[in-house]
Amino acid sequence: MEKNLLYSPQPEGNVTDSLFAEMVLDKALLDFRKEKIQQKIDQSLRDRNKKEFLRLTEELKNVS
């Protein structure tokens, strides 16, 4: 039975695939986070909550 050690050498393809998968996941999480903030911004506009709107727009700038 083969043991996979944390720092054992891996074929180049596996490393590339892992990095690509991590990049795709990071992008998906970033897009999801931005969408949630934008939804909250929309809600703050409907509620006419200027303080929350300003806070959320600043948060969105920092995420982008």
PDB file of N, CA and C in Angstrom:
ATOM      1  N   MET A   1       0.840  -1.184   0.000  1.00  0.00           N
ATOM      2  CA  MET A   1       0.000   0.000   0.000  1.00  0.00           C
ATOM      3  C   MET A   1       0.887   1.251   0.000  1.00  0.00           C
ATOM      4  N   GLU A   2       0.597   2.196  -0.874  1.00  0.00           N
ATOM      5  CA  GLU A   2       1.399   3.400  -1.019  1.00  0.00           C
ATOM      6  C   GLU A   2       1.034   4.427   0.051  1.00  0.00           C
ATOM      7  N   LYS A   3       2.055   5.024   0.643  1.00  0.00           N
ATOM      8  CA  LYS A   3       1.831   6.079   1.631  1.00  0.00           C
ATOM      9  C   LYS A   3       2.123   7.420   0.991  1.00  0.00           C
ATOM     10  N   ASN A   4       1.248   8.378   1.201  1.00  0.00           N
ATOM     11  CA  ASN A   4       1.458   9.736   0.709  1.00  0.00           C
ATOM     12  C   ASN A   4       1.946  10.596   1.852  1.00  0.00           C
ATOM     13  N   LEU A   5       3.192  11.009   1.763  1.00  0.00           N
ATOM     14  CA  LEU A   5       3.770  11.869   2.782  1.00  0.00           C
ATOM     15  C   LEU A   5       3.569  13.323   2.389  1.00  0.00           C
ATOM     16  N   LEU A   6       3.496  14.172   3.377  1.00  0.00           N
ATOM     17  CA  LEU A   6       3.215  15.585   3.150  1.00  0.00           C
ATOM     18  C   LEU A   6       4.190  16.222   2.167  1.00  0.00           C
ATOM     19  N   TYR A   7       5.472  15.954   2.316  1.00  0.00           N
ATOM     20  CA  TYR A   7       6.471  16.601   1.472  1.00  0.00           C
ATOM     21  C   TYR A   7       7.142  15.622   0.513  1.00  0.00           C
ATOM     22  N   SER A   8       6.478  14.546   0.212  1.00  0.00           N
ATOM     23  CA  SER A   8       7.053  13.583  -0.727  1.00  0.00           C
ATOM     24  C   SER A   8       6.982  14.138  -2.140  1.00  0.00           C
ATOM     25  N   PRO A   9       7.929  13.748  -2.979  1.00  0.00           N
ATOM     26  CA  PRO A   9       7.903  14.231  -4.366  1.00  0.00           C
ATOM     27  C   PRO A   9       6.626  13.778  -5.068  1.00  0.00           C
ATOM     28  N   GLN A  10       6.062  14.673  -5.858  1.00  0.00           N
ATOM     29  CA  GLN A  10       4.850  14.363  -6.600  1.00  0.00           C
ATOM     30  C   GLN A  10       5.126  14.594  -8.078  1.00  0.00           C
ATOM     31  N   PRO A  11       4.473  13.832  -8.926  1.00  0.00           N
ATOM     32  CA  PRO A  11       4.612  14.112 -10.352  1.00  0.00           C
ATOM     33  C   PRO A  11       4.175  15.536 -10.659  1.00  0.00           C
ATOM     34  N   GLU A  12       4.825  16.164 -11.630  1.00  0.00           N
ATOM     35  CA  GLU A  12       4.555  17.568 -11.975  1.00  0.00           C
ATOM     36  C   GLU A  12       3.089  17.824 -12.273  1.00  0.00           C
ATOM     37  N   GLY A  13       2.421  16.901 -12.932  1.00  0.00           N
ATOM     38  CA  GLY A  13       1.013  17.070 -13.273  1.00  0.00           C
ATOM     39  C   GLY A  13       0.139  17.235 -12.046  1.00  0.00           C
ATOM     40  N   ASN A  14       0.404  16.479 -10.995  1.00  0.00           N
ATOM     41  CA  ASN A  14      -0.399  16.576  -9.772  1.00  0.00           C
ATOM     42  C   ASN A  14      -0.252  17.937  -9.118  1.00  0.00           C
ATOM     43  N   VAL A  15       0.956  18.473  -9.110  1.00  0.00           N
ATOM     44  CA  VAL A  15       1.200  19.786  -8.512  1.00  0.00           C
ATOM     45  C   VAL A  15       0.465  20.858  -9.322  1.00  0.00           C
ATOM     46  N   THR A  16       0.577  20.783 -10.632  1.00  0.00           N
ATOM     47  CA  THR A  16      -0.091  21.750 -11.497  1.00  0.00           C
ATOM     48  C   THR A  16      -1.601  21.676 -11.328  1.00  0.00           C
ATOM     49  N   ASP A  17      -2.132  20.465 -11.303  1.00  0.00           N
ATOM     50  CA  ASP A  17      -3.572  20.283 -11.119  1.00  0.00           C
ATOM     51  C   ASP A  17      -4.025  20.841  -9.771  1.00  0.00           C
ATOM     52  N   SER A  18      -3.239  20.614  -8.740  1.00  0.00           N
ATOM     53  CA  SER A  18      -3.590  21.109  -7.403  1.00  0.00           C
ATOM     54  C   SER A  18      -3.582  22.632  -7.369  1.00  0.00           C
ATOM     55  N   LEU A  19      -2.584  23.229  -7.975  1.00  0.00           N
ATOM     56  CA  LEU A  19      -2.509  24.693  -8.004  1.00  0.00           C
ATOM     57  C   LEU A  19      -3.671  25.275  -8.790  1.00  0.00           C
ATOM     58  N   PHE A  20      -3.995  24.658  -9.909  1.00  0.00           N
ATOM     59  CA  PHE A  20      -5.113  25.137 -10.714  1.00  0.00           C
ATOM     60  C   PHE A  20      -6.420  25.025  -9.933  1.00  0.00           C
ATOM     61  N   ALA A  21      -6.631  23.890  -9.260  1.00  0.00           N
ATOM     62  CA  ALA A  21      -7.848  23.699  -8.473  1.00  0.00           C
ATOM     63  C   ALA A  21      -7.935  24.731  -7.352  1.00  0.00           C
ATOM     64  N   GLU A  22      -6.813  25.032  -6.727  1.00  0.00           N
ATOM     65  CA  GLU A  22      -6.793  26.032  -5.654  1.00  0.00           C
ATOM     66  C   GLU A  22      -7.131  27.418  -6.202  1.00  0.00           C
ATOM     67  N   MET A  23      -6.615  27.742  -7.375  1.00  0.00           N
ATOM     68  CA  MET A  23      -6.911  29.042  -7.985  1.00  0.00           C
ATOM     69  C   MET A  23      -8.388  29.163  -8.347  1.00  0.00           C
ATOM     70  N   VAL A  24      -8.958  28.096  -8.872  1.00  0.00           N
ATOM     71  CA  VAL A  24     -10.380  28.110  -9.226  1.00  0.00           C
ATOM     72  C   VAL A  24     -11.229  28.281  -7.970  1.00  0.00           C
ATOM     73  N   LEU A  25     -10.878  27.560  -6.922  1.00  0.00           N
ATOM     74  CA  LEU A  25     -11.618  27.657  -5.664  1.00  0.00           C
ATOM     75  C   LEU A  25     -11.504  29.058  -5.064  1.00  0.00           C
ATOM     76  N   ASP A  26     -10.307  29.631  -5.069  1.00  0.00           N
ATOM     77  CA  ASP A  26     -10.110  30.988  -4.547  1.00  0.00           C
ATOM     78  C   ASP A  26     -10.965  32.000  -5.306  1.00  0.00           C
ATOM     79  N   LYS A  27     -10.997  31.861  -6.625  1.00  0.00           N
ATOM     80  CA  LYS A  27     -11.796  32.777  -7.457  1.00  0.00           C
ATOM     81  C   LYS A  27     -13.276  32.617  -7.153  1.00  0.00           C
ATOM     82  N   ALA A  28     -13.741  31.385  -7.013  1.00  0.00           N
ATOM     83  CA  ALA A  28     -15.151  31.140  -6.714  1.00  0.00           C
ATOM     84  C   ALA A  28     -15.529  31.732  -5.354  1.00  0.00           C
ATOM     85  N   LEU A  29     -14.660  31.571  -4.374  1.00  0.00           N
ATOM     86  CA  LEU A  29     -14.935  32.125  -3.038  1.00  0.00           C
ATOM     87  C   LEU A  29     -14.941  33.655  -3.063  1.00  0.00           C
ATOM     88  N   LEU A  30     -14.026  34.240  -3.809  1.00  0.00           N
ATOM     89  CA  LEU A  30     -13.985  35.703  -3.928  1.00  0.00           C
ATOM     90  C   LEU A  30     -15.248  36.222  -4.595  1.00  0.00           C
ATOM     91  N   ASP A  31     -15.653  35.570  -5.688  1.00  0.00           N
ATOM     92  CA  ASP A  31     -16.880  35.976  -6.382  1.00  0.00           C
ATOM     93  C   ASP A  31     -18.098  35.852  -5.472  1.00  0.00           C
ATOM     94  N   PHE A  32     -18.155  34.776  -4.693  1.00  0.00           N
ATOM     95  CA  PHE A  32     -19.270  34.561  -3.770  1.00  0.00           C
ATOM     96  C   PHE A  32     -19.296  35.664  -2.709  1.00  0.00           C
ATOM     97  N   ARG A  33     -18.128  35.972  -2.157  1.00  0.00           N
ATOM     98  CA  ARG A  33     -18.046  37.015  -1.125  1.00  0.00           C
ATOM     99  C   ARG A  33     -18.477  38.377  -1.671  1.00  0.00           C
ATOM    100  N   LYS A  34     -18.014  38.700  -2.897  1.00  0.00           N
ATOM    101  CA  LYS A  34     -18.409  39.969  -3.514  1.00  0.00           C
ATOM    102  C   LYS A  34     -19.917  40.030  -3.726  1.00  0.00           C
ATOM    103  N   GLU A  35     -20.487  38.947  -4.210  1.00  0.00           N
ATOM    104  CA  GLU A  35     -21.933  38.905  -4.459  1.00  0.00           C
ATOM    105  C   GLU A  35     -22.714  39.132  -3.168  1.00  0.00           C
ATOM    106  N   LYS A  36     -22.290  38.516  -2.070  1.00  0.00           N
ATOM    107  CA  LYS A  36     -22.972  38.693  -0.776  1.00  0.00           C
ATOM    108  C   LYS A  36     -22.874  40.148  -0.305  1.00  0.00           C
ATOM    109  N   ILE A  37     -21.710  40.750  -0.462  1.00  0.00           N
ATOM    110  CA  ILE A  37     -21.548  42.151  -0.065  1.00  0.00           C
ATOM    111  C   ILE A  37     -22.432  43.042  -0.931  1.00  0.00           C
ATOM    112  N   GLN A  38     -22.486  42.769  -2.234  1.00  0.00           N
ATOM    113  CA  GLN A  38     -23.323  43.564  -3.125  1.00  0.00           C
ATOM    114  C   GLN A  38     -24.806  43.440  -2.764  1.00  0.00           C
ATOM    115  N   GLN A  39     -25.218  42.248  -2.356  1.00  0.00           N
ATOM    116  CA  GLN A  39     -26.602  42.071  -1.913  1.00  0.00           C
ATOM    117  C   GLN A  39     -26.877  42.895  -0.661  1.00  0.00           C
ATOM    118  N   LYS A  40     -25.913  42.935   0.247  1.00  0.00           N
ATOM    119  CA  LYS A  40     -26.072  43.733   1.457  1.00  0.00           C
ATOM    120  C   LYS A  40     -26.075  45.228   1.138  1.00  0.00           C
ATOM    121  N   ILE A  41     -25.278  45.625   0.157  1.00  0.00           N
ATOM    122  CA  ILE A  41     -25.272  47.027  -0.279  1.00  0.00           C
ATOM    123  C   ILE A  41     -26.649  47.391  -0.828  1.00  0.00           C
ATOM    124  N   ASP A  42     -27.194  46.518  -1.663  1.00  0.00           N
ATOM    125  CA  ASP A  42     -28.536  46.762  -2.206  1.00  0.00           C
ATOM    126  C   ASP A  42     -29.566  46.903  -1.087  1.00  0.00           C
ATOM    127  N   GLN A  43     -29.453  46.051  -0.078  1.00  0.00           N
ATOM    128  CA  GLN A  43     -30.392  46.116   1.043  1.00  0.00           C
ATOM    129  C   GLN A  43     -30.214  47.419   1.815  1.00  0.00           C
ATOM    130  N   SER A  44     -28.969  47.841   2.007  1.00  0.00           N
ATOM    131  CA  SER A  44     -28.734  49.097   2.730  1.00  0.00           C
ATOM    132  C   SER A  44     -29.317  50.284   1.958  1.00  0.00           C
ATOM    133  N   LEU A  45     -29.277  50.214   0.628  1.00  0.00           N
ATOM    134  CA  LEU A  45     -29.893  51.279  -0.178  1.00  0.00           C
ATOM    135  C   LEU A  45     -31.417  51.255  -0.030  1.00  0.00           C
ATOM    136  N   ARG A  46     -32.001  50.076  -0.044  1.00  0.00           N
ATOM    137  CA  ARG A  46     -33.459  49.975   0.146  1.00  0.00           C
ATOM    138  C   ARG A  46     -33.867  50.490   1.522  1.00  0.00           C
ATOM    139  N   ASP A  47     -33.019  50.213   2.521  1.00  0.00           N
ATOM    140  CA  ASP A  47     -33.298  50.651   3.896  1.00  0.00           C
ATOM    141  C   ASP A  47     -32.885  52.112   4.140  1.00  0.00           C
ATOM    142  N   ARG A  48     -32.219  52.697   3.158  1.00  0.00           N
ATOM    143  CA  ARG A  48     -31.698  54.065   3.275  1.00  0.00           C
ATOM    144  C   ARG A  48     -30.760  54.222   4.471  1.00  0.00           C
ATOM    145  N   ASN A  49     -29.921  53.190   4.620  1.00  0.00           N
ATOM    146  CA  ASN A  49     -28.965  53.159   5.722  1.00  0.00           C
ATOM    147  C   ASN A  49     -27.594  53.595   5.187  1.00  0.00           C
ATOM    148  N   LYS A  50     -27.334  54.875   5.279  1.00  0.00           N
ATOM    149  CA  LYS A  50     -26.112  55.446   4.714  1.00  0.00           C
ATOM    150  C   LYS A  50     -24.865  54.883   5.396  1.00  0.00           C
ATOM    151  N   LYS A  51     -24.901  54.765   6.706  1.00  0.00           N
ATOM    152  CA  LYS A  51     -23.743  54.280   7.455  1.00  0.00           C
ATOM    153  C   LYS A  51     -23.366  52.862   7.013  1.00  0.00           C
ATOM    154  N   GLU A  52     -24.356  52.003   6.890  1.00  0.00           N
ATOM    155  CA  GLU A  52     -24.113  50.620   6.460  1.00  0.00           C
ATOM    156  C   GLU A  52     -23.649  50.581   5.002  1.00  0.00           C
ATOM    157  N   PHE A  53     -24.249  51.418   4.174  1.00  0.00           N
ATOM    158  CA  PHE A  53     -23.849  51.506   2.765  1.00  0.00           C
ATOM    159  C   PHE A  53     -22.373  51.877   2.644  1.00  0.00           C
ATOM    160  N   LEU A  54     -21.943  52.882   3.365  1.00  0.00           N
ATOM    161  CA  LEU A  54     -20.549  53.320   3.306  1.00  0.00           C
ATOM    162  C   LEU A  54     -19.602  52.242   3.824  1.00  0.00           C
ATOM    163  N   ARG A  55     -19.985  51.581   4.889  1.00  0.00           N
ATOM    164  CA  ARG A  55     -19.162  50.504   5.442  1.00  0.00           C
ATOM    165  C   ARG A  55     -19.017  49.361   4.434  1.00  0.00           C
ATOM    166  N   LEU A  56     -20.130  48.980   3.824  1.00  0.00           N
ATOM    167  CA  LEU A  56     -20.111  47.863   2.883  1.00  0.00           C
ATOM    168  C   LEU A  56     -19.374  48.200   1.593  1.00  0.00           C
ATOM    169  N   THR A  57     -19.513  49.417   1.109  1.00  0.00           N
ATOM    170  CA  THR A  57     -18.787  49.781  -0.107  1.00  0.00           C
ATOM    171  C   THR A  57     -17.277  49.795   0.151  1.00  0.00           C
ATOM    172  N   GLU A  58     -16.894  50.207   1.334  1.00  0.00           N
ATOM    173  CA  GLU A  58     -15.472  50.159   1.700  1.00  0.00           C
ATOM    174  C   GLU A  58     -14.999  48.702   1.787  1.00  0.00           C
ATOM    175  N   GLU A  59     -15.822  47.851   2.361  1.00  0.00           N
ATOM    176  CA  GLU A  59     -15.485  46.425   2.445  1.00  0.00           C
ATOM    177  C   GLU A  59     -15.345  45.828   1.047  1.00  0.00           C
ATOM    178  N   LEU A  60     -16.232  46.202   0.152  1.00  0.00           N
ATOM    179  CA  LEU A  60     -16.160  45.697  -1.224  1.00  0.00           C
ATOM    180  C   LEU A  60     -14.887  46.167  -1.920  1.00  0.00           C
ATOM    181  N   LYS A  61     -14.490  47.399  -1.675  1.00  0.00           N
ATOM    182  CA  LYS A  61     -13.233  47.903  -2.248  1.00  0.00           C
ATOM    183  C   LYS A  61     -12.051  47.081  -1.764  1.00  0.00           C
ATOM    184  N   ASN A  62     -12.061  46.736  -0.480  1.00  0.00           N
ATOM    185  CA  ASN A  62     -10.944  45.983   0.105  1.00  0.00           C
ATOM    186  C   ASN A  62     -10.910  44.541  -0.411  1.00  0.00           C
ATOM    187  N   VAL A  63     -12.052  43.996  -0.748  1.00  0.00           N
ATOM    188  CA  VAL A  63     -12.117  42.628  -1.255  1.00  0.00           C
ATOM    189  C   VAL A  63     -11.668  42.569  -2.711  1.00  0.00           C
ATOM    190  N   SER A  64     -11.957  43.628  -3.448  1.00  0.00           N
ATOM    191  CA  SER A  64     -11.651  43.644  -4.889  1.00  0.00           C
ATOM    192  C   SER A  64     -10.192  43.817  -5.181  1.00  0.00           C
TER     193      SER A  64
END
